[in-house]
Amino acid sequence: MICYLINFLVGTAKGMFFEGTVELTSEDAEDATFVANLIIAAIKRVGAESIIQVVTDTCSVMKAAWRIIEKEFPWITCTC
């Protein structure tokens, strides 16, 4: 079984902090909705009002997830 880790880091004016890790296996559906929901859950844990940008890689799944995130939180910009 193949495992993937998604790490969540948060940067503020006071510095960076590690928010958590999600472990995915080859059995997890890694589509845009799944990934967007993981990121949205992290945004809500931190506090959506304090987030202005999400940075990920640029694979097609992430680009599609960006659109979902930006629709949910119009003030958040997603970039690579």
PDB file of N, CA and C in Angstrom:
ATOM      1  N   MET A   1       0.842  -1.175   0.000  1.00  0.00           N
ATOM      2  CA  MET A   1       0.000   0.000   0.000  1.00  0.00           C
ATOM      3  C   MET A   1       0.892   1.244   0.000  1.00  0.00           C
ATOM      4  N   ILE A   2       0.544   2.193  -0.840  1.00  0.00           N
ATOM      5  CA  ILE A   2       1.279   3.450  -0.935  1.00  0.00           C
ATOM      6  C   ILE A   2       0.621   4.479  -0.021  1.00  0.00           C
ATOM      7  N   CYS A   3       1.436   5.226   0.722  1.00  0.00           N
ATOM      8  CA  CYS A   3       0.925   6.281   1.597  1.00  0.00           C
ATOM      9  C   CYS A   3       1.444   7.635   1.131  1.00  0.00           C
ATOM     10  N   TYR A   4       0.598   8.624   1.252  1.00  0.00           N
ATOM     11  CA  TYR A   4       0.948  10.004   0.940  1.00  0.00           C
ATOM     12  C   TYR A   4       0.644  10.847   2.163  1.00  0.00           C
ATOM     13  N   LEU A   5       1.439  11.860   2.375  1.00  0.00           N
ATOM     14  CA  LEU A   5       1.198  12.777   3.479  1.00  0.00           C
ATOM     15  C   LEU A   5       0.892  14.161   2.940  1.00  0.00           C
ATOM     16  N   ILE A   6      -0.110  14.782   3.502  1.00  0.00           N
ATOM     17  CA  ILE A   6      -0.394  16.182   3.221  1.00  0.00           C
ATOM     18  C   ILE A   6      -0.140  16.935   4.519  1.00  0.00           C
ATOM     19  N   ASN A   7       0.812  17.847   4.473  1.00  0.00           N
ATOM     20  CA  ASN A   7       1.154  18.649   5.643  1.00  0.00           C
ATOM     21  C   ASN A   7       0.494  20.010   5.530  1.00  0.00           C
ATOM     22  N   PHE A   8      -0.015  20.499   6.638  1.00  0.00           N
ATOM     23  CA  PHE A   8      -0.648  21.813   6.684  1.00  0.00           C
ATOM     24  C   PHE A   8       0.238  22.740   7.515  1.00  0.00           C
ATOM     25  N   LEU A   9       0.742  23.783   6.866  1.00  0.00           N
ATOM     26  CA  LEU A   9       1.563  24.792   7.525  1.00  0.00           C
ATOM     27  C   LEU A   9       0.825  26.122   7.455  1.00  0.00           C
ATOM     28  N   VAL A  10       0.921  26.887   8.515  1.00  0.00           N
ATOM     29  CA  VAL A  10       0.255  28.184   8.569  1.00  0.00           C
ATOM     30  C   VAL A  10       1.316  29.238   8.830  1.00  0.00           C
ATOM     31  N   GLY A  11       1.299  30.287   8.020  1.00  0.00           N
ATOM     32  CA  GLY A  11       2.231  31.393   8.208  1.00  0.00           C
ATOM     33  C   GLY A  11       1.492  32.636   8.678  1.00  0.00           C
ATOM     34  N   THR A  12       2.033  33.269   9.691  1.00  0.00           N
ATOM     35  CA  THR A  12       1.460  34.514  10.212  1.00  0.00           C
ATOM     36  C   THR A  12       2.578  35.542  10.349  1.00  0.00           C
ATOM     37  N   ALA A  13       2.216  36.738  10.748  1.00  0.00           N
ATOM     38  CA  ALA A  13       3.219  37.770  10.991  1.00  0.00           C
ATOM     39  C   ALA A  13       4.165  37.349  12.120  1.00  0.00           C
ATOM     40  N   LYS A  14       3.709  36.468  12.990  1.00  0.00           N
ATOM     41  CA  LYS A  14       4.530  36.016  14.117  1.00  0.00           C
ATOM     42  C   LYS A  14       5.387  34.808  13.768  1.00  0.00           C
ATOM     43  N   GLY A  15       5.179  34.220  12.588  1.00  0.00           N
ATOM     44  CA  GLY A  15       5.997  33.081  12.179  1.00  0.00           C
ATOM     45  C   GLY A  15       5.152  31.955  11.608  1.00  0.00           C
ATOM     46  N   MET A  16       5.812  30.853  11.300  1.00  0.00           N
ATOM     47  CA  MET A  16       5.164  29.675  10.721  1.00  0.00           C
ATOM     48  C   MET A  16       4.869  28.671  11.831  1.00  0.00           C
ATOM     49  N   PHE A  17       3.756  27.926  11.680  1.00  0.00           N
ATOM     50  CA  PHE A  17       3.521  26.805  12.573  1.00  0.00           C
ATOM     51  C   PHE A  17       2.910  25.645  11.809  1.00  0.00           C
ATOM     52  N   PHE A  18       3.182  24.467  12.329  1.00  0.00           N
ATOM     53  CA  PHE A  18       2.714  23.222  11.747  1.00  0.00           C
ATOM     54  C   PHE A  18       1.320  22.946  12.295  1.00  0.00           C
ATOM     55  N   GLU A  19       0.329  22.872  11.405  1.00  0.00           N
ATOM     56  CA  GLU A  19      -1.059  22.690  11.840  1.00  0.00           C
ATOM     57  C   GLU A  19      -1.445  21.211  11.912  1.00  0.00           C
ATOM     58  N   GLY A  20      -0.826  20.370  11.101  1.00  0.00           N
ATOM     59  CA  GLY A  20      -1.143  18.951  11.156  1.00  0.00           C
ATOM     60  C   GLY A  20      -0.819  18.240   9.854  1.00  0.00           C
ATOM     61  N   THR A  21      -1.009  16.936   9.879  1.00  0.00           N
ATOM     62  CA  THR A  21      -0.750  16.079   8.727  1.00  0.00           C
ATOM     63  C   THR A  21      -1.924  15.141   8.530  1.00  0.00           C
ATOM     64  N   VAL A  22      -2.261  14.904   7.272  1.00  0.00           N
ATOM     65  CA  VAL A  22      -3.259  13.896   6.920  1.00  0.00           C
ATOM     66  C   VAL A  22      -2.534  12.827   6.121  1.00  0.00           C
ATOM     67  N   GLU A  23      -2.714  11.582   6.501  1.00  0.00           N
ATOM     68  CA  GLU A  23      -2.109  10.478   5.768  1.00  0.00           C
ATOM     69  C   GLU A  23      -3.144   9.876   4.827  1.00  0.00           C
ATOM     70  N   LEU A  24      -2.810   9.832   3.554  1.00  0.00           N
ATOM     71  CA  LEU A  24      -3.675   9.231   2.550  1.00  0.00           C
ATOM     72  C   LEU A  24      -3.060   7.921   2.097  1.00  0.00           C
ATOM     73  N   THR A  25      -3.881   6.978   1.769  1.00  0.00           N
ATOM     74  CA  THR A  25      -3.398   5.713   1.232  1.00  0.00           C
ATOM     75  C   THR A  25      -3.851   5.585  -0.218  1.00  0.00           C
ATOM     76  N   SER A  26      -3.381   4.578  -0.867  1.00  0.00           N
ATOM     77  CA  SER A  26      -3.768   4.366  -2.261  1.00  0.00           C
ATOM     78  C   SER A  26      -5.254   4.064  -2.387  1.00  0.00           C
ATOM     79  N   GLU A  27      -5.924   3.793  -1.283  1.00  0.00           N
ATOM     80  CA  GLU A  27      -7.361   3.508  -1.301  1.00  0.00           C
ATOM     81  C   GLU A  27      -8.210   4.782  -1.205  1.00  0.00           C
ATOM     82  N   ASP A  28      -7.595   5.910  -0.857  1.00  0.00           N
ATOM     83  CA  ASP A  28      -8.324   7.178  -0.775  1.00  0.00           C
ATOM     84  C   ASP A  28      -8.525   7.741  -2.178  1.00  0.00           C
ATOM     85  N   ALA A  29      -9.695   8.290  -2.406  1.00  0.00           N
ATOM     86  CA  ALA A  29      -9.997   8.934  -3.695  1.00  0.00           C
ATOM     87  C   ALA A  29      -9.399  10.327  -3.679  1.00  0.00           C
ATOM     88  N   GLU A  30      -8.363  10.535  -4.446  1.00  0.00           N
ATOM     89  CA  GLU A  30      -7.683  11.829  -4.445  1.00  0.00           C
ATOM     90  C   GLU A  30      -8.192  12.703  -5.584  1.00  0.00           C
ATOM     91  N   ASP A  31      -9.489  12.999  -5.556  1.00  0.00           N
ATOM     92  CA  ASP A  31     -10.033  13.904  -6.558  1.00  0.00           C
ATOM     93  C   ASP A  31     -10.119  15.311  -5.973  1.00  0.00           C
ATOM     94  N   ALA A  32     -10.511  16.266  -6.796  1.00  0.00           N
ATOM     95  CA  ALA A  32     -10.524  17.668  -6.379  1.00  0.00           C
ATOM     96  C   ALA A  32     -11.427  17.917  -5.178  1.00  0.00           C
ATOM     97  N   THR A  33     -12.583  17.278  -5.158  1.00  0.00           N
ATOM     98  CA  THR A  33     -13.513  17.482  -4.045  1.00  0.00           C
ATOM     99  C   THR A  33     -12.924  16.949  -2.746  1.00  0.00           C
ATOM    100  N   PHE A  34     -12.318  15.782  -2.784  1.00  0.00           N
ATOM    101  CA  PHE A  34     -11.705  15.181  -1.595  1.00  0.00           C
ATOM    102  C   PHE A  34     -10.601  16.089  -1.058  1.00  0.00           C
ATOM    103  N   VAL A  35      -9.704  16.524  -1.945  1.00  0.00           N
ATOM    104  CA  VAL A  35      -8.586  17.373  -1.531  1.00  0.00           C
ATOM    105  C   VAL A  35      -9.089  18.726  -1.032  1.00  0.00           C
ATOM    106  N   ALA A  36     -10.049  19.312  -1.743  1.00  0.00           N
ATOM    107  CA  ALA A  36     -10.605  20.596  -1.307  1.00  0.00           C
ATOM    108  C   ALA A  36     -11.227  20.473   0.077  1.00  0.00           C
ATOM    109  N   ASN A  37     -11.928  19.390   0.330  1.00  0.00           N
ATOM    110  CA  ASN A  37     -12.541  19.199   1.649  1.00  0.00           C
ATOM    111  C   ASN A  37     -11.492  19.076   2.747  1.00  0.00           C
ATOM    112  N   LEU A  38     -10.357  18.435   2.463  1.00  0.00           N
ATOM    113  CA  LEU A  38      -9.264  18.371   3.447  1.00  0.00           C
ATOM    114  C   LEU A  38      -8.736  19.770   3.759  1.00  0.00           C
ATOM    115  N   ILE A  39      -8.531  20.551   2.714  1.00  0.00           N
ATOM    116  CA  ILE A  39      -7.998  21.903   2.895  1.00  0.00           C
ATOM    117  C   ILE A  39      -9.023  22.797   3.587  1.00  0.00           C
ATOM    118  N   ILE A  40     -10.278  22.681   3.211  1.00  0.00           N
ATOM    119  CA  ILE A  40     -11.340  23.470   3.845  1.00  0.00           C
ATOM    120  C   ILE A  40     -11.441  23.140   5.332  1.00  0.00           C
ATOM    121  N   ALA A  41     -11.312  21.869   5.688  1.00  0.00           N
ATOM    122  CA  ALA A  41     -11.339  21.486   7.108  1.00  0.00           C
ATOM    123  C   ALA A  41     -10.182  22.137   7.857  1.00  0.00           C
ATOM    124  N   ALA A  42      -8.995  22.177   7.250  1.00  0.00           N
ATOM    125  CA  ALA A  42      -7.843  22.828   7.890  1.00  0.00           C
ATOM    126  C   ALA A  42      -8.078  24.332   8.020  1.00  0.00           C
ATOM    127  N   ILE A  43      -8.652  24.939   7.000  1.00  0.00           N
ATOM    128  CA  ILE A  43      -8.969  26.377   7.053  1.00  0.00           C
ATOM    129  C   ILE A  43      -9.915  26.660   8.216  1.00  0.00           C
ATOM    130  N   LYS A  44     -10.922  25.839   8.373  1.00  0.00           N
ATOM    131  CA  LYS A  44     -11.893  26.039   9.460  1.00  0.00           C
ATOM    132  C   LYS A  44     -11.268  25.815  10.828  1.00  0.00           C
ATOM    133  N   ARG A  45     -10.324  24.867  10.936  1.00  0.00           N
ATOM    134  CA  ARG A  45      -9.653  24.627  12.227  1.00  0.00           C
ATOM    135  C   ARG A  45      -8.838  25.847  12.640  1.00  0.00           C
ATOM    136  N   VAL A  46      -8.162  26.451  11.670  1.00  0.00           N
ATOM    137  CA  VAL A  46      -7.317  27.615  11.958  1.00  0.00           C
ATOM    138  C   VAL A  46      -8.163  28.855  12.185  1.00  0.00           C
ATOM    139  N   GLY A  47      -9.247  28.968  11.427  1.00  0.00           N
ATOM    140  CA  GLY A  47     -10.117  30.146  11.478  1.00  0.00           C
ATOM    141  C   GLY A  47     -10.112  30.814  10.120  1.00  0.00           C
ATOM    142  N   ALA A  48     -11.168  30.607   9.384  1.00  0.00           N
ATOM    143  CA  ALA A  48     -11.235  31.080   7.999  1.00  0.00           C
ATOM    144  C   ALA A  48     -10.999  32.578   7.876  1.00  0.00           C
ATOM    145  N   GLU A  49     -11.402  33.340   8.878  1.00  0.00           N
ATOM    146  CA  GLU A  49     -11.258  34.796   8.802  1.00  0.00           C
ATOM    147  C   GLU A  49      -9.802  35.231   8.824  1.00  0.00           C
ATOM    148  N   SER A  50      -8.893  34.354   9.229  1.00  0.00           N
ATOM    149  CA  SER A  50      -7.476  34.725   9.287  1.00  0.00           C
ATOM    150  C   SER A  50      -6.668  34.194   8.099  1.00  0.00           C
ATOM    151  N   ILE A  51      -7.323  33.534   7.159  1.00  0.00           N
ATOM    152  CA  ILE A  51      -6.632  32.961   6.000  1.00  0.00           C
ATOM    153  C   ILE A  51      -6.853  33.862   4.789  1.00  0.00           C
ATOM    154  N   ILE A  52      -5.781  34.156   4.063  1.00  0.00           N
ATOM    155  CA  ILE A  52      -5.920  34.934   2.831  1.00  0.00           C
ATOM    156  C   ILE A  52      -5.374  34.193   1.614  1.00  0.00           C
ATOM    157  N   GLN A  53      -4.550  33.162   1.842  1.00  0.00           N
ATOM    158  CA  GLN A  53      -3.957  32.459   0.714  1.00  0.00           C
ATOM    159  C   GLN A  53      -3.709  31.002   1.058  1.00  0.00           C
ATOM    160  N   VAL A  54      -3.932  30.136   0.061  1.00  0.00           N
ATOM    161  CA  VAL A  54      -3.605  28.713   0.146  1.00  0.00           C
ATOM    162  C   VAL A  54      -2.581  28.437  -0.945  1.00  0.00           C
ATOM    163  N   VAL A  55      -1.490  27.761  -0.579  1.00  0.00           N
ATOM    164  CA  VAL A  55      -0.435  27.445  -1.538  1.00  0.00           C
ATOM    165  C   VAL A  55      -0.303  25.933  -1.645  1.00  0.00           C
ATOM    166  N   THR A  56      -0.358  25.435  -2.885  1.00  0.00           N
ATOM    167  CA  THR A  56      -0.208  24.003  -3.149  1.00  0.00           C
ATOM    168  C   THR A  56       0.669  23.828  -4.382  1.00  0.00           C
ATOM    169  N   ASP A  57       0.839  22.582  -4.794  1.00  0.00           N
ATOM    170  CA  ASP A  57       1.494  22.366  -6.082  1.00  0.00           C
ATOM    171  C   ASP A  57       0.478  22.639  -7.191  1.00  0.00           C
ATOM    172  N   THR A  58       0.862  22.420  -8.431  1.00  0.00           N
ATOM    173  CA  THR A  58       0.005  22.807  -9.550  1.00  0.00           C
ATOM    174  C   THR A  58      -0.557  21.633 -10.341  1.00  0.00           C
ATOM    175  N   CYS A  59      -0.648  20.474  -9.732  1.00  0.00           N
ATOM    176  CA  CYS A  59      -1.238  19.352 -10.459  1.00  0.00           C
ATOM    177  C   CYS A  59      -2.720  19.656 -10.746  1.00  0.00           C
ATOM    178  N   SER A  60      -3.291  18.962 -11.692  1.00  0.00           N
ATOM    179  CA  SER A  60      -4.661  19.269 -12.121  1.00  0.00           C
ATOM    180  C   SER A  60      -5.677  19.108 -10.991  1.00  0.00           C
ATOM    181  N   VAL A  61      -5.448  18.141 -10.091  1.00  0.00           N
ATOM    182  CA  VAL A  61      -6.358  17.957  -8.956  1.00  0.00           C
ATOM    183  C   VAL A  61      -6.325  19.183  -8.052  1.00  0.00           C
ATOM    184  N   MET A  62      -5.143  19.702  -7.786  1.00  0.00           N
ATOM    185  CA  MET A  62      -5.032  20.882  -6.921  1.00  0.00           C
ATOM    186  C   MET A  62      -5.659  22.105  -7.573  1.00  0.00           C
ATOM    187  N   LYS A  63      -5.429  22.292  -8.866  1.00  0.00           N
ATOM    188  CA  LYS A  63      -6.025  23.445  -9.550  1.00  0.00           C
ATOM    189  C   LYS A  63      -7.545  23.391  -9.495  1.00  0.00           C
ATOM    190  N   ALA A  64      -8.107  22.191  -9.631  1.00  0.00           N
ATOM    191  CA  ALA A  64      -9.563  22.045  -9.527  1.00  0.00           C
ATOM    192  C   ALA A  64     -10.014  22.277  -8.079  1.00  0.00           C
ATOM    193  N   ALA A  65      -9.222  21.841  -7.119  1.00  0.00           N
ATOM    194  CA  ALA A  65      -9.543  22.065  -5.701  1.00  0.00           C
ATOM    195  C   ALA A  65      -9.523  23.552  -5.377  1.00  0.00           C
ATOM    196  N   TRP A  66      -8.613  24.302  -6.011  1.00  0.00           N
ATOM    197  CA  TRP A  66      -8.549  25.751  -5.787  1.00  0.00           C
ATOM    198  C   TRP A  66      -9.898  26.391  -6.060  1.00  0.00           C
ATOM    199  N   ARG A  67     -10.525  26.008  -7.162  1.00  0.00           N
ATOM    200  CA  ARG A  67     -11.816  26.613  -7.537  1.00  0.00           C
ATOM    201  C   ARG A  67     -12.881  26.338  -6.472  1.00  0.00           C
ATOM    202  N   ILE A  68     -12.857  25.140  -5.906  1.00  0.00           N
ATOM    203  CA  ILE A  68     -13.825  24.787  -4.860  1.00  0.00           C
ATOM    204  C   ILE A  68     -13.566  25.627  -3.609  1.00  0.00           C
ATOM    205  N   ILE A  69     -12.308  25.743  -3.227  1.00  0.00           N
ATOM    206  CA  ILE A  69     -11.936  26.518  -2.034  1.00  0.00           C
ATOM    207  C   ILE A  69     -12.298  27.989  -2.212  1.00  0.00           C
ATOM    208  N   GLU A  70     -11.958  28.550  -3.378  1.00  0.00           N
ATOM    209  CA  GLU A  70     -12.241  29.969  -3.626  1.00  0.00           C
ATOM    210  C   GLU A  70     -13.737  30.258  -3.718  1.00  0.00           C
ATOM    211  N   LYS A  71     -14.520  29.274  -4.124  1.00  0.00           N
ATOM    212  CA  LYS A  71     -15.978  29.456  -4.138  1.00  0.00           C
ATOM    213  C   LYS A  71     -16.518  29.498  -2.706  1.00  0.00           C
ATOM    214  N   GLU A  72     -15.978  28.640  -1.845  1.00  0.00           N
ATOM    215  CA  GLU A  72     -16.402  28.590  -0.432  1.00  0.00           C
ATOM    216  C   GLU A  72     -15.942  29.829   0.332  1.00  0.00           C
ATOM    217  N   PHE A  73     -14.727  30.284   0.028  1.00  0.00           N
ATOM    218  CA  PHE A  73     -14.123  31.427   0.720  1.00  0.00           C
ATOM    219  C   PHE A  73     -13.617  32.417  -0.332  1.00  0.00           C
ATOM    220  N   PRO A  74     -14.474  33.324  -0.814  1.00  0.00           N
ATOM    221  CA  PRO A  74     -14.114  34.209  -1.923  1.00  0.00           C
ATOM    222  C   PRO A  74     -12.925  35.129  -1.642  1.00  0.00           C
ATOM    223  N   TRP A  75     -12.590  35.381  -0.397  1.00  0.00           N
ATOM    224  CA  TRP A  75     -11.455  36.256  -0.059  1.00  0.00           C
ATOM    225  C   TRP A  75     -10.122  35.513  -0.047  1.00  0.00           C
ATOM    226  N   ILE A  76     -10.160  34.189  -0.165  1.00  0.00           N
ATOM    227  CA  ILE A  76      -8.945  33.389  -0.170  1.00  0.00           C
ATOM    228  C   ILE A  76      -8.489  33.184  -1.609  1.00  0.00           C
ATOM    229  N   THR A  77      -7.205  33.411  -1.839  1.00  0.00           N
ATOM    230  CA  THR A  77      -6.591  33.170  -3.136  1.00  0.00           C
ATOM    231  C   THR A  77      -5.771  31.889  -3.052  1.00  0.00           C
ATOM    232  N   CYS A  78      -5.911  31.036  -4.052  1.00  0.00           N
ATOM    233  CA  CYS A  78      -5.108  29.804  -4.122  1.00  0.00           C
ATOM    234  C   CYS A  78      -4.067  29.953  -5.222  1.00  0.00           C
ATOM    235  N   THR A  79      -2.831  29.611  -4.902  1.00  0.00           N
ATOM    236  CA  THR A  79      -1.727  29.733  -5.845  1.00  0.00           C
ATOM    237  C   THR A  79      -0.737  28.583  -5.664  1.00  0.00           C
ATOM    238  N   CYS A  80       0.253  28.580  -6.563  1.00  0.00           N
ATOM    239  CA  CYS A  80       1.320  27.575  -6.437  1.00  0.00           C
ATOM    240  C   CYS A  80       2.520  28.159  -5.749  1.00  0.00           C
TER     241      CYS A  80
END
